[in-house]
Amino acid sequence: MGAVRAAARLAAAAFLLLAALSMAPAVAAADPTFGEAVATARFAEGIDVEQPATIPEEVIRVEAVVRTGADGRTFLAPVGTPGIGATTLRYHHETPAGSLYPNTRVELGFRLTFQDGRVIDSPTTTIRYEDDRFAWQTLEGPLVRIHWVQGNDAFGQRALEIGERAVEEGTELLGVSETERIDFFVYGDREAFYDILGPAQRESVGGIALPEIRTLFANIAPAEVNDPWVGVVIPHELTHLVFGTATRNPYHEPPHWLNEGLADYLAQGYNAGARAAVEGAARSGELMPLRALVARFPTTPQRFSLAYDESVSAIDYLIRTHGQEALVSLIQSYAGGVSDDDAFRAALGVDVAGFEAGWLADLGIDEPPAYGPLPAPPGPLPPGWVEGQAPTPAPGSSGPVATARTGPPPVEGEIAGPIVIGVVVVVVLLLVLGLVVVARGLSRGDSLLPSPGAPPERENDPMPDEGDLHDPDER
């Protein structure tokens, strides 16, 4: 009995052990390990990143993670399966001309996805994408840091002074504070300048401002540093950066004409050339409505230039009519992400359409003519059809109504012709079907008619099926 009890106790213990093991959590998959990520960049070619790693066997997907700019836009790109165990993850991020502006900070790393759905990101590295074709000279002021290649120190100092003054005036007007330095890159060579813009940019562009990376690019040759144009393009582009600071929000951008108009107004005012262009367009019917300049400007040179002139004309009208404080209030309201109509109503007391109507009236014109796709002219009517006439539907009927056809009623042959053709087609189809049946019967050795010399059917032969009865005269 003692041996039996001992065996029973041992069996119970084994049962409890198995139950405990069955309720124990499954062993989690091993986590990957990563070394330091290293990135290198080459202008207009790409950015390469590599990182040592140990990959568990449960990993089913490996992706490169690329984040660009201050807003951290994230791109994922598949990476070929590197295998299990110790390896080095590698990725090449292409940067053709115009795809990524110099002075952009780029964060790179890798992402591993497991069979159970877990996602683990590796430690990342950050690199500043630069135009490494040149040995840049640099000068720094309180707010602006200028970089240039061609020209002496006097050239750089002159450009820096213009930039500092423009930022100071813009921040004072809009009531914002610029604390982060602005980088200003000056290209003396036109082709090198357009290499950073890419093939999609207009050839008339002489400068571009990028508030998201707080960077300004301009094409200024050393001999042009004292030209009046330089004293316009630098303040114009730097005003865009201050405008971006004043209106930054994650929801809604102000109209393009408001941004460009303010930049031009602060850089050179509503000068005689712009005034003459706008007034001439108003007289000739070529003026564009402001709602046509909300997203971007036209691409043809004449209308591209007129868009700037109209924008600064609208700013001039706004200040003359509502005052400078109303302009500042309008611009600052966009920081709250409000709509255009809400911003204009709060600052000026009218919506966008009301402001535009006032601006047009100030120019002495009504609504300008519309441009763009127009409805196609009506084509010729078929013979016997009269435009605008249609039969009256019967009471209670519904559905589309065709245009009435005029002229004499159709003759009898017009109706009989299609009916005769239909009957002929049906007869032909029946004949073809009969020939097919005959051919199949002959192929089986059957015959619709008695063979010559065949004995007559006896009375006690079974009655044939109805379908097998045939008239000997039928063919």
Protein backbone atom coordinates (compact mmCIF):
# COMPACT_ATOMS: atom_id res chain seq x y z
CA MET A 1 0.00 0.00 0.00
CA GLY A 2 2.89 2.36 0.79
CA ALA A 3 4.30 1.89 -2.66
CA VAL A 4 0.88 2.63 -4.21
CA ARG A 5 0.48 5.83 -2.16
CA ALA A 6 3.99 6.97 -3.15
CA ALA A 7 3.24 6.38 -6.82
CA ALA A 8 -0.03 8.30 -6.51
CA ARG A 9 1.72 11.23 -4.85
CA LEU A 10 4.38 11.21 -7.59
CA ALA A 11 1.72 11.20 -10.31
CA ALA A 12 -0.13 14.09 -8.65
CA ALA A 13 3.08 16.09 -8.42
CA ALA A 14 3.83 15.44 -12.07
CA PHE A 15 0.31 16.52 -12.99
CA LEU A 16 0.66 19.76 -11.03
CA LEU A 17 4.04 20.43 -12.62
CA LEU A 18 2.62 19.95 -16.12
CA ALA A 19 -0.33 22.22 -15.30
CA ALA A 20 2.02 24.91 -14.01
CA LEU A 21 4.15 24.64 -17.11
CA SER A 22 1.09 24.90 -19.36
CA MET A 23 -0.01 28.11 -17.62
CA ALA A 24 3.47 29.67 -17.69
CA PRO A 25 3.87 32.51 -20.25
CA ALA A 26 5.60 31.68 -23.50
CA VAL A 27 9.24 32.69 -23.79
CA ALA A 28 9.42 36.06 -25.54
CA ALA A 29 11.36 36.41 -28.74
CA ALA A 30 14.85 37.79 -28.31
CA ASP A 31 15.27 41.54 -28.90
CA PRO A 32 17.71 42.78 -31.55
CA THR A 33 20.88 44.61 -30.62
CA PHE A 34 22.27 47.61 -32.48
CA GLY A 35 25.61 49.34 -32.79
CA GLU A 36 26.17 52.99 -33.67
CA ALA A 37 24.63 54.23 -36.92
CA VAL A 38 26.95 56.15 -39.25
CA ALA A 39 25.77 58.35 -42.14
CA THR A 40 27.61 60.04 -45.00
CA ALA A 41 26.18 62.37 -47.66
CA ARG A 42 27.10 63.51 -51.13
CA PHE A 43 25.29 66.46 -52.73
CA ALA A 44 22.88 65.54 -55.54
CA GLU A 45 23.80 61.86 -55.14
CA GLY A 46 22.53 60.53 -51.84
CA ILE A 47 22.92 59.76 -48.16
CA ASP A 48 24.30 56.39 -47.02
CA VAL A 49 23.69 54.95 -43.57
CA GLU A 50 24.97 51.72 -42.05
CA GLN A 51 24.53 50.19 -38.61
CA PRO A 52 25.78 46.94 -37.01
CA ALA A 53 22.93 44.79 -35.66
CA THR A 54 22.02 41.33 -34.39
CA ILE A 55 18.80 40.12 -36.02
CA PRO A 56 16.62 37.49 -34.25
CA GLU A 57 15.00 34.81 -36.39
CA GLU A 58 11.50 36.13 -35.59
CA VAL A 59 12.10 39.30 -37.65
CA ILE A 60 10.02 39.29 -40.84
CA ARG A 61 10.70 42.80 -42.23
CA VAL A 62 13.52 45.36 -42.10
CA GLU A 63 13.00 48.98 -43.21
CA ALA A 64 15.11 52.12 -43.33
CA VAL A 65 13.67 55.13 -41.48
CA VAL A 66 14.39 58.62 -42.91
CA ARG A 67 13.11 61.84 -41.31
CA THR A 68 13.75 65.21 -42.95
CA GLY A 69 13.30 68.82 -41.91
CA ALA A 70 12.07 70.40 -38.73
CA ASP A 71 8.64 68.78 -39.04
CA GLY A 72 10.15 65.29 -39.04
CA ARG A 73 8.46 63.97 -42.19
CA THR A 74 9.10 60.23 -42.10
CA PHE A 75 9.84 57.93 -45.03
CA LEU A 76 10.11 54.15 -44.83
CA ALA A 77 12.01 52.13 -47.41
CA PRO A 78 12.33 48.32 -47.52
CA VAL A 79 15.77 46.88 -46.94
CA GLY A 80 16.73 43.48 -48.32
CA THR A 81 16.61 40.70 -45.71
CA PRO A 82 20.03 40.76 -44.10
CA GLY A 83 19.82 37.27 -42.62
CA ILE A 84 19.80 36.06 -39.03
CA GLY A 85 22.42 36.88 -36.44
CA ALA A 86 25.21 39.44 -36.58
CA THR A 87 25.07 41.66 -39.67
CA THR A 88 25.35 45.26 -40.88
CA LEU A 89 22.23 47.09 -42.04
CA ARG A 90 22.79 49.43 -45.01
CA TYR A 91 20.62 51.88 -46.94
CA HIS A 92 21.22 54.44 -49.71
CA HIS A 93 18.78 57.41 -49.81
CA GLU A 94 18.91 59.08 -53.22
CA THR A 95 18.95 62.90 -53.38
CA PRO A 96 18.72 64.08 -56.99
CA ALA A 97 18.76 67.81 -57.72
CA GLY A 98 15.77 69.56 -56.18
CA SER A 99 14.66 66.64 -54.01
CA LEU A 100 16.34 67.82 -50.80
CA TYR A 101 17.59 71.33 -50.09
CA PRO A 102 21.04 71.85 -48.61
CA ASN A 103 21.14 72.70 -44.91
CA THR A 104 18.39 70.18 -44.17
CA ARG A 105 18.88 67.95 -41.14
CA VAL A 106 18.20 64.29 -41.91
CA GLU A 107 17.66 61.59 -39.27
CA LEU A 108 18.27 57.97 -40.31
CA GLY A 109 17.93 54.55 -38.72
CA PHE A 110 16.23 51.17 -39.18
CA ARG A 111 12.94 49.54 -38.17
CA LEU A 112 12.43 45.81 -37.47
CA THR A 113 9.01 44.13 -37.55
CA PHE A 114 8.48 40.76 -35.79
CA GLN A 115 6.13 37.88 -36.51
CA ASP A 116 4.00 38.80 -33.50
CA GLY A 117 3.55 42.38 -34.78
CA ARG A 118 6.10 44.03 -32.52
CA VAL A 119 8.07 46.92 -34.04
CA ILE A 120 11.50 47.99 -32.76
CA ASP A 121 13.40 51.04 -34.06
CA SER A 122 17.15 51.24 -33.89
CA PRO A 123 18.97 54.24 -32.39
CA THR A 124 19.20 56.88 -35.14
CA THR A 125 21.90 59.21 -36.37
CA THR A 126 21.47 62.76 -37.72
CA ILE A 127 23.38 64.40 -40.54
CA ARG A 128 23.10 67.83 -42.14
CA TYR A 129 22.76 67.54 -45.89
CA GLU A 130 25.09 70.14 -47.44
CA ASP A 131 26.22 71.42 -50.81
CA ASP A 132 29.73 70.03 -50.53
CA ARG A 133 30.83 71.17 -53.99
CA PHE A 134 32.31 74.40 -52.64
CA ALA A 135 34.52 75.70 -49.83
CA TRP A 136 32.13 78.17 -48.22
CA GLN A 137 33.17 81.40 -46.51
CA THR A 138 31.05 82.33 -43.49
CA LEU A 139 30.19 85.46 -41.49
CA GLU A 140 27.81 85.55 -38.52
CA GLY A 141 25.64 88.35 -37.22
CA PRO A 142 23.16 88.39 -34.32
CA LEU A 143 20.39 86.76 -36.40
CA VAL A 144 21.85 85.93 -39.82
CA ARG A 145 24.75 83.68 -40.82
CA ILE A 146 25.87 84.24 -44.40
CA HIS A 147 27.74 81.71 -46.56
CA TRP A 148 29.29 82.62 -49.93
CA VAL A 149 31.87 81.31 -52.37
CA GLN A 150 32.77 84.05 -54.83
CA GLY A 151 33.79 87.49 -53.66
CA ASN A 152 35.84 89.00 -50.85
CA ASP A 153 35.00 89.78 -47.23
CA ALA A 154 33.44 93.11 -48.22
CA PHE A 155 30.95 91.22 -50.38
CA GLY A 156 29.96 88.97 -47.48
CA GLN A 157 29.76 91.88 -45.03
CA ARG A 158 27.49 93.88 -47.36
CA ALA A 159 25.09 90.95 -47.81
CA LEU A 160 25.09 90.28 -44.05
CA GLU A 161 24.20 93.91 -43.21
CA ILE A 162 21.26 93.89 -45.65
CA GLY A 163 20.00 90.62 -44.17
CA GLU A 164 20.26 91.72 -40.54
CA ARG A 165 18.38 94.93 -41.25
CA ALA A 166 15.62 93.10 -43.12
CA VAL A 167 15.06 90.63 -40.28
CA GLU A 168 15.03 93.41 -37.70
CA GLU A 169 12.43 95.44 -39.61
CA GLY A 170 10.25 92.42 -40.28
CA THR A 171 10.20 91.23 -36.68
CA GLU A 172 9.47 94.75 -35.41
CA LEU A 173 6.54 95.15 -37.82
CA LEU A 174 4.95 91.75 -37.17
CA GLY A 175 5.62 91.68 -33.45
CA VAL A 176 7.52 88.38 -33.44
CA SER A 177 10.86 87.43 -31.96
CA GLU A 178 13.47 85.57 -34.00
CA THR A 179 15.81 83.64 -31.72
CA GLU A 180 17.09 80.87 -34.00
CA ARG A 181 19.76 81.87 -36.49
CA ILE A 182 18.94 82.14 -40.20
CA ASP A 183 21.39 80.70 -42.74
CA PHE A 184 21.84 82.66 -45.96
CA PHE A 185 23.66 80.94 -48.86
CA VAL A 186 24.79 83.17 -51.75
CA TYR A 187 25.61 81.51 -55.07
CA GLY A 188 27.65 83.54 -57.53
CA ASP A 189 27.16 81.00 -60.30
CA ARG A 190 23.70 80.71 -61.86
CA GLU A 191 23.99 77.04 -62.83
CA ALA A 192 25.18 76.06 -59.36
CA PHE A 193 22.22 77.95 -57.88
CA TYR A 194 19.71 76.13 -60.08
CA ASP A 195 21.28 72.80 -59.19
CA ILE A 196 19.83 73.16 -55.68
CA LEU A 197 16.38 74.18 -56.98
CA GLY A 198 16.00 71.27 -59.36
CA PRO A 199 14.52 71.12 -62.86
CA ALA A 200 10.96 71.95 -61.76
CA GLN A 201 11.77 75.50 -60.59
CA ARG A 202 11.13 78.59 -62.74
CA GLU A 203 14.14 80.11 -64.48
CA SER A 204 13.18 83.62 -63.32
CA VAL A 205 13.77 82.81 -59.64
CA GLY A 206 16.65 84.75 -58.10
CA GLY A 207 16.10 83.74 -54.48
CA ILE A 208 14.14 81.29 -52.39
CA ALA A 209 13.30 81.22 -48.67
CA LEU A 210 12.53 78.03 -46.74
CA PRO A 211 11.06 78.83 -43.32
CA GLU A 212 10.87 75.14 -42.34
CA ILE A 213 14.69 74.90 -42.33
CA ARG A 214 15.28 78.64 -41.71
CA THR A 215 17.42 78.97 -44.81
CA LEU A 216 17.64 81.46 -47.67
CA PHE A 217 19.30 80.85 -51.04
CA ALA A 218 20.08 83.62 -53.54
CA ASN A 219 21.93 84.01 -56.83
CA ILE A 220 24.10 87.13 -56.49
CA ALA A 221 27.35 87.61 -58.38
CA PRO A 222 30.12 89.53 -56.52
CA ALA A 223 29.86 92.41 -59.01
CA GLU A 224 26.15 92.78 -58.19
CA VAL A 225 26.45 93.26 -54.44
CA ASN A 226 25.90 97.03 -54.70
CA ASP A 227 23.12 96.78 -57.29
CA PRO A 228 19.69 98.04 -56.15
CA TRP A 229 18.29 94.60 -57.01
CA VAL A 230 20.37 93.02 -54.23
CA GLY A 231 18.87 95.47 -51.75
CA VAL A 232 15.45 94.12 -52.78
CA VAL A 233 15.91 90.36 -53.11
CA ILE A 234 17.58 89.87 -49.71
CA PRO A 235 14.94 91.73 -47.64
CA HIS A 236 12.19 90.15 -49.74
CA GLU A 237 13.30 86.57 -49.06
CA LEU A 238 14.16 87.15 -45.40
CA THR A 239 10.71 88.70 -44.84
CA HIS A 240 9.27 85.33 -45.89
CA LEU A 241 11.12 83.71 -43.00
CA VAL A 242 9.77 86.24 -40.51
CA PHE A 243 6.29 85.85 -42.03
CA GLY A 244 6.61 82.09 -41.54
CA THR A 245 7.44 82.59 -37.88
CA ALA A 246 4.45 84.90 -37.40
CA THR A 247 1.92 82.59 -39.11
CA ARG A 248 3.24 79.13 -38.22
CA ASN A 249 0.48 76.64 -37.44
CA PRO A 250 -0.20 73.00 -38.32
CA TYR A 251 -3.52 73.63 -40.08
CA HIS A 252 -3.63 76.35 -42.70
CA GLU A 253 -1.27 78.57 -44.72
CA PRO A 254 -2.12 82.19 -45.55
CA PRO A 255 -2.81 83.15 -49.19
CA HIS A 256 0.32 83.26 -51.33
CA TRP A 257 -0.46 86.80 -52.49
CA LEU A 258 -0.50 88.01 -48.87
CA ASN A 259 2.94 86.49 -48.20
CA GLU A 260 4.53 87.78 -51.42
CA GLY A 261 2.79 91.14 -51.25
CA LEU A 262 4.10 91.84 -47.74
CA ALA A 263 7.64 90.78 -48.71
CA ASP A 264 7.63 93.07 -51.74
CA TYR A 265 6.05 95.95 -49.79
CA LEU A 266 8.72 95.85 -47.09
CA ALA A 267 11.53 95.41 -49.64
CA GLN A 268 10.62 98.17 -52.12
CA GLY A 269 7.09 99.44 -51.48
CA TYR A 270 4.42 99.88 -54.13
CA ASN A 271 6.77 101.48 -56.66
CA ALA A 272 5.93 103.24 -59.91
CA GLY A 273 6.66 100.20 -62.08
CA ALA A 274 4.30 97.93 -60.16
CA ARG A 275 1.61 100.61 -60.06
CA ALA A 276 1.78 101.16 -63.82
CA ALA A 277 1.58 97.41 -64.49
CA VAL A 278 -1.50 96.93 -62.28
CA GLU A 279 -3.35 99.96 -63.59
CA GLY A 280 -2.59 98.97 -67.18
CA ALA A 281 -3.86 95.43 -66.58
CA ALA A 282 -7.02 96.85 -65.01
CA ARG A 283 -7.71 99.03 -68.06
CA SER A 284 -7.04 96.24 -70.57
CA GLY A 285 -9.05 93.58 -68.73
CA GLU A 286 -5.93 91.49 -68.02
CA LEU A 287 -6.04 91.83 -64.22
CA MET A 288 -6.18 88.55 -62.29
CA PRO A 289 -8.48 88.21 -59.25
CA LEU A 290 -6.75 87.65 -55.91
CA ARG A 291 -8.46 84.28 -55.56
CA ALA A 292 -6.37 83.17 -58.55
CA LEU A 293 -3.20 83.88 -56.55
CA VAL A 294 -3.96 81.95 -53.37
CA ALA A 295 -1.84 78.82 -53.86
CA ARG A 296 0.85 79.82 -56.35
CA PHE A 297 1.56 82.28 -59.14
CA PRO A 298 1.21 81.70 -62.91
CA THR A 299 4.25 80.33 -64.74
CA THR A 300 4.36 82.60 -67.80
CA PRO A 301 6.87 85.45 -67.26
CA GLN A 302 4.39 88.28 -67.89
CA ARG A 303 1.71 86.98 -65.53
CA PHE A 304 4.31 85.82 -63.01
CA SER A 305 5.55 89.42 -62.74
CA LEU A 306 2.00 90.82 -62.73
CA ALA A 307 1.09 88.50 -59.83
CA TYR A 308 3.78 90.14 -57.67
CA ASP A 309 2.63 93.61 -58.69
CA GLU A 310 -1.00 92.81 -57.88
CA SER A 311 0.01 91.36 -54.51
CA VAL A 312 1.87 94.46 -53.40
CA SER A 313 -1.00 96.58 -54.77
CA ALA A 314 -3.42 94.69 -52.50
CA ILE A 315 -1.15 95.25 -49.47
CA ASP A 316 -0.93 98.96 -50.31
CA TYR A 317 -4.73 99.16 -50.52
CA LEU A 318 -5.12 97.27 -47.22
CA ILE A 319 -2.81 99.66 -45.36
CA ARG A 320 -4.38 102.79 -46.91
CA THR A 321 -7.91 101.59 -46.14
CA HIS A 322 -7.61 99.71 -42.85
CA GLY A 323 -4.25 100.77 -41.43
CA GLN A 324 -0.97 99.03 -40.65
CA GLU A 325 -2.26 97.65 -37.34
CA ALA A 326 -5.03 95.82 -39.22
CA LEU A 327 -2.43 94.26 -41.51
CA VAL A 328 -0.39 93.04 -38.54
CA SER A 329 -3.53 91.72 -36.83
CA LEU A 330 -4.51 89.87 -40.01
CA ILE A 331 -1.12 88.18 -40.33
CA GLN A 332 -0.86 87.27 -36.66
CA SER A 333 -4.34 85.70 -36.65
CA TYR A 334 -3.13 82.96 -38.97
CA ALA A 335 -1.02 81.53 -36.15
CA GLY A 336 -4.30 80.20 -34.75
CA GLY A 337 -4.95 78.14 -37.87
CA VAL A 338 -8.12 80.07 -38.77
CA SER A 339 -9.67 80.15 -42.22
CA ASP A 340 -9.05 83.03 -44.62
CA ASP A 341 -12.56 84.45 -44.17
CA ASP A 342 -12.32 84.29 -40.37
CA ALA A 343 -8.93 85.98 -40.40
CA PHE A 344 -10.10 88.79 -42.70
CA ARG A 345 -13.37 89.34 -40.84
CA ALA A 346 -11.61 89.56 -37.47
CA ALA A 347 -8.96 92.02 -38.69
CA LEU A 348 -10.74 94.03 -41.41
CA GLY A 349 -14.45 93.50 -40.82
CA VAL A 350 -15.00 91.93 -44.27
CA ASP A 351 -14.40 88.48 -45.68
CA VAL A 352 -11.93 87.76 -48.49
CA ALA A 353 -14.50 88.41 -51.22
CA GLY A 354 -15.44 91.72 -49.62
CA PHE A 355 -11.79 92.79 -49.40
CA GLU A 356 -11.19 91.85 -53.04
CA ALA A 357 -14.28 93.78 -54.16
CA GLY A 358 -12.99 96.86 -52.35
CA TRP A 359 -9.54 96.50 -53.94
CA LEU A 360 -11.06 96.18 -57.42
CA ALA A 361 -13.31 99.17 -56.83
CA ASP A 362 -10.24 101.17 -55.74
CA LEU A 363 -8.72 100.31 -59.13
CA GLY A 364 -11.91 101.45 -60.85
CA ILE A 365 -13.01 98.08 -62.22
CA ASP A 366 -15.62 95.47 -61.50
CA GLU A 367 -15.12 91.70 -61.49
CA PRO A 368 -12.24 90.85 -63.87
CA PRO A 369 -12.96 88.41 -66.69
CA ALA A 370 -12.51 84.74 -65.89
CA TYR A 371 -9.65 82.76 -67.37
CA GLY A 372 -9.34 79.01 -67.75
CA PRO A 373 -11.28 76.18 -69.40
CA LEU A 374 -14.54 77.25 -71.06
CA PRO A 375 -17.53 75.11 -72.15
CA ALA A 376 -17.22 73.83 -75.70
CA PRO A 377 -19.47 75.54 -78.26
CA PRO A 378 -22.53 73.53 -79.29
CA GLY A 379 -22.04 71.34 -82.35
CA PRO A 380 -24.26 71.12 -85.45
CA LEU A 381 -27.70 69.53 -85.11
CA PRO A 382 -28.63 66.47 -87.20
CA PRO A 383 -30.90 67.17 -90.17
CA GLY A 384 -34.52 67.59 -89.15
CA TRP A 385 -33.77 68.46 -85.51
CA VAL A 386 -34.75 71.80 -84.03
CA GLU A 387 -32.78 73.16 -81.09
CA GLY A 388 -34.74 73.60 -77.87
CA GLN A 389 -37.83 71.62 -78.91
CA ALA A 390 -38.81 68.48 -77.06
CA PRO A 391 -42.00 66.42 -76.80
CA THR A 392 -44.16 66.98 -73.76
CA PRO A 393 -44.16 63.89 -71.51
CA ALA A 394 -47.47 62.21 -70.80
CA PRO A 395 -49.09 62.98 -67.42
CA GLY A 396 -47.52 60.90 -64.70
CA SER A 397 -44.59 59.81 -66.84
CA SER A 398 -41.00 60.32 -65.81
CA GLY A 399 -37.54 59.80 -67.14
CA PRO A 400 -35.46 61.54 -69.80
CA VAL A 401 -37.14 63.31 -72.68
CA ALA A 402 -35.55 63.28 -76.11
CA THR A 403 -35.46 66.31 -78.34
CA ALA A 404 -38.39 66.30 -80.75
CA ARG A 405 -37.71 65.36 -84.35
CA THR A 406 -39.50 67.37 -86.99
CA GLY A 407 -40.35 66.56 -90.58
CA PRO A 408 -42.63 63.99 -92.28
CA PRO A 409 -43.42 60.72 -90.48
CA PRO A 410 -41.34 57.72 -91.43
CA VAL A 411 -42.57 55.77 -94.45
CA GLU A 412 -43.68 52.17 -94.19
CA GLY A 413 -40.43 50.85 -95.59
CA GLU A 414 -38.47 52.53 -92.80
CA ILE A 415 -40.27 50.29 -90.28
CA ALA A 416 -40.64 47.14 -92.39
CA GLY A 417 -36.99 47.08 -93.43
CA PRO A 418 -35.55 46.26 -89.98
CA ILE A 419 -38.36 43.71 -89.34
CA VAL A 420 -37.66 41.82 -92.59
CA ILE A 421 -33.96 41.72 -91.87
CA GLY A 422 -34.67 40.32 -88.40
CA VAL A 423 -36.93 37.57 -89.78
CA VAL A 424 -34.30 36.54 -92.35
CA VAL A 425 -31.64 36.32 -89.68
CA VAL A 426 -33.87 34.07 -87.49
CA VAL A 427 -34.64 31.72 -90.44
CA VAL A 428 -30.96 31.41 -91.32
CA LEU A 429 -30.09 30.57 -87.73
CA LEU A 430 -32.80 27.86 -87.62
CA LEU A 431 -31.50 26.29 -90.85
CA VAL A 432 -27.95 26.25 -89.53
CA LEU A 433 -29.14 24.64 -86.29
CA GLY A 434 -31.00 21.94 -88.25
CA LEU A 435 -27.95 21.13 -90.35
CA VAL A 436 -25.87 20.76 -87.21
CA VAL A 437 -28.40 18.26 -85.77
CA VAL A 438 -28.40 16.23 -89.00
CA ALA A 439 -24.64 16.13 -89.09
CA ARG A 440 -24.44 14.87 -85.52
CA GLY A 441 -27.03 12.14 -86.25
CA LEU A 442 -25.15 10.93 -89.31
CA SER A 443 -21.91 10.83 -87.37
CA ARG A 444 -23.61 8.30 -84.97
CA GLY A 445 -24.85 6.10 -87.82
CA ASP A 446 -28.49 7.17 -87.31
CA SER A 447 -30.79 8.18 -90.13
CA LEU A 448 -33.85 10.28 -90.21
CA LEU A 449 -35.22 8.17 -93.12
CA PRO A 450 -35.43 4.36 -93.45
CA SER A 451 -32.51 2.79 -95.23
CA PRO A 452 -33.26 1.19 -98.65
CA GLY A 453 -34.44 -2.41 -98.22
CA ALA A 454 -35.02 -2.08 -94.51
CA PRO A 455 -37.83 -4.33 -93.24
CA PRO A 456 -41.04 -2.62 -92.25
CA GLU A 457 -41.80 -2.15 -88.59
CA ARG A 458 -43.83 -4.99 -87.07
CA GLU A 459 -46.91 -4.28 -85.08
CA ASN A 460 -45.40 -5.74 -81.98
CA ASP A 461 -42.33 -3.46 -82.16
CA PRO A 462 -42.24 -0.97 -79.38
CA MET A 463 -43.78 2.40 -80.12
CA PRO A 464 -41.03 4.94 -80.87
CA ASP A 465 -40.67 8.13 -78.87
CA GLU A 466 -42.50 11.13 -80.14
CA GLY A 467 -39.24 12.77 -80.98
CA ASP A 468 -38.25 9.88 -83.27
CA LEU A 469 -41.36 10.13 -85.51
CA HIS A 470 -40.56 11.62 -88.92
CA ASP A 471 -42.47 12.25 -92.08
CA PRO A 472 -40.68 10.35 -94.92
CA ASP A 473 -41.24 13.35 -97.16
CA GLU A 474 -39.49 15.75 -94.80
CA ARG A 475 -36.04 16.77 -95.73
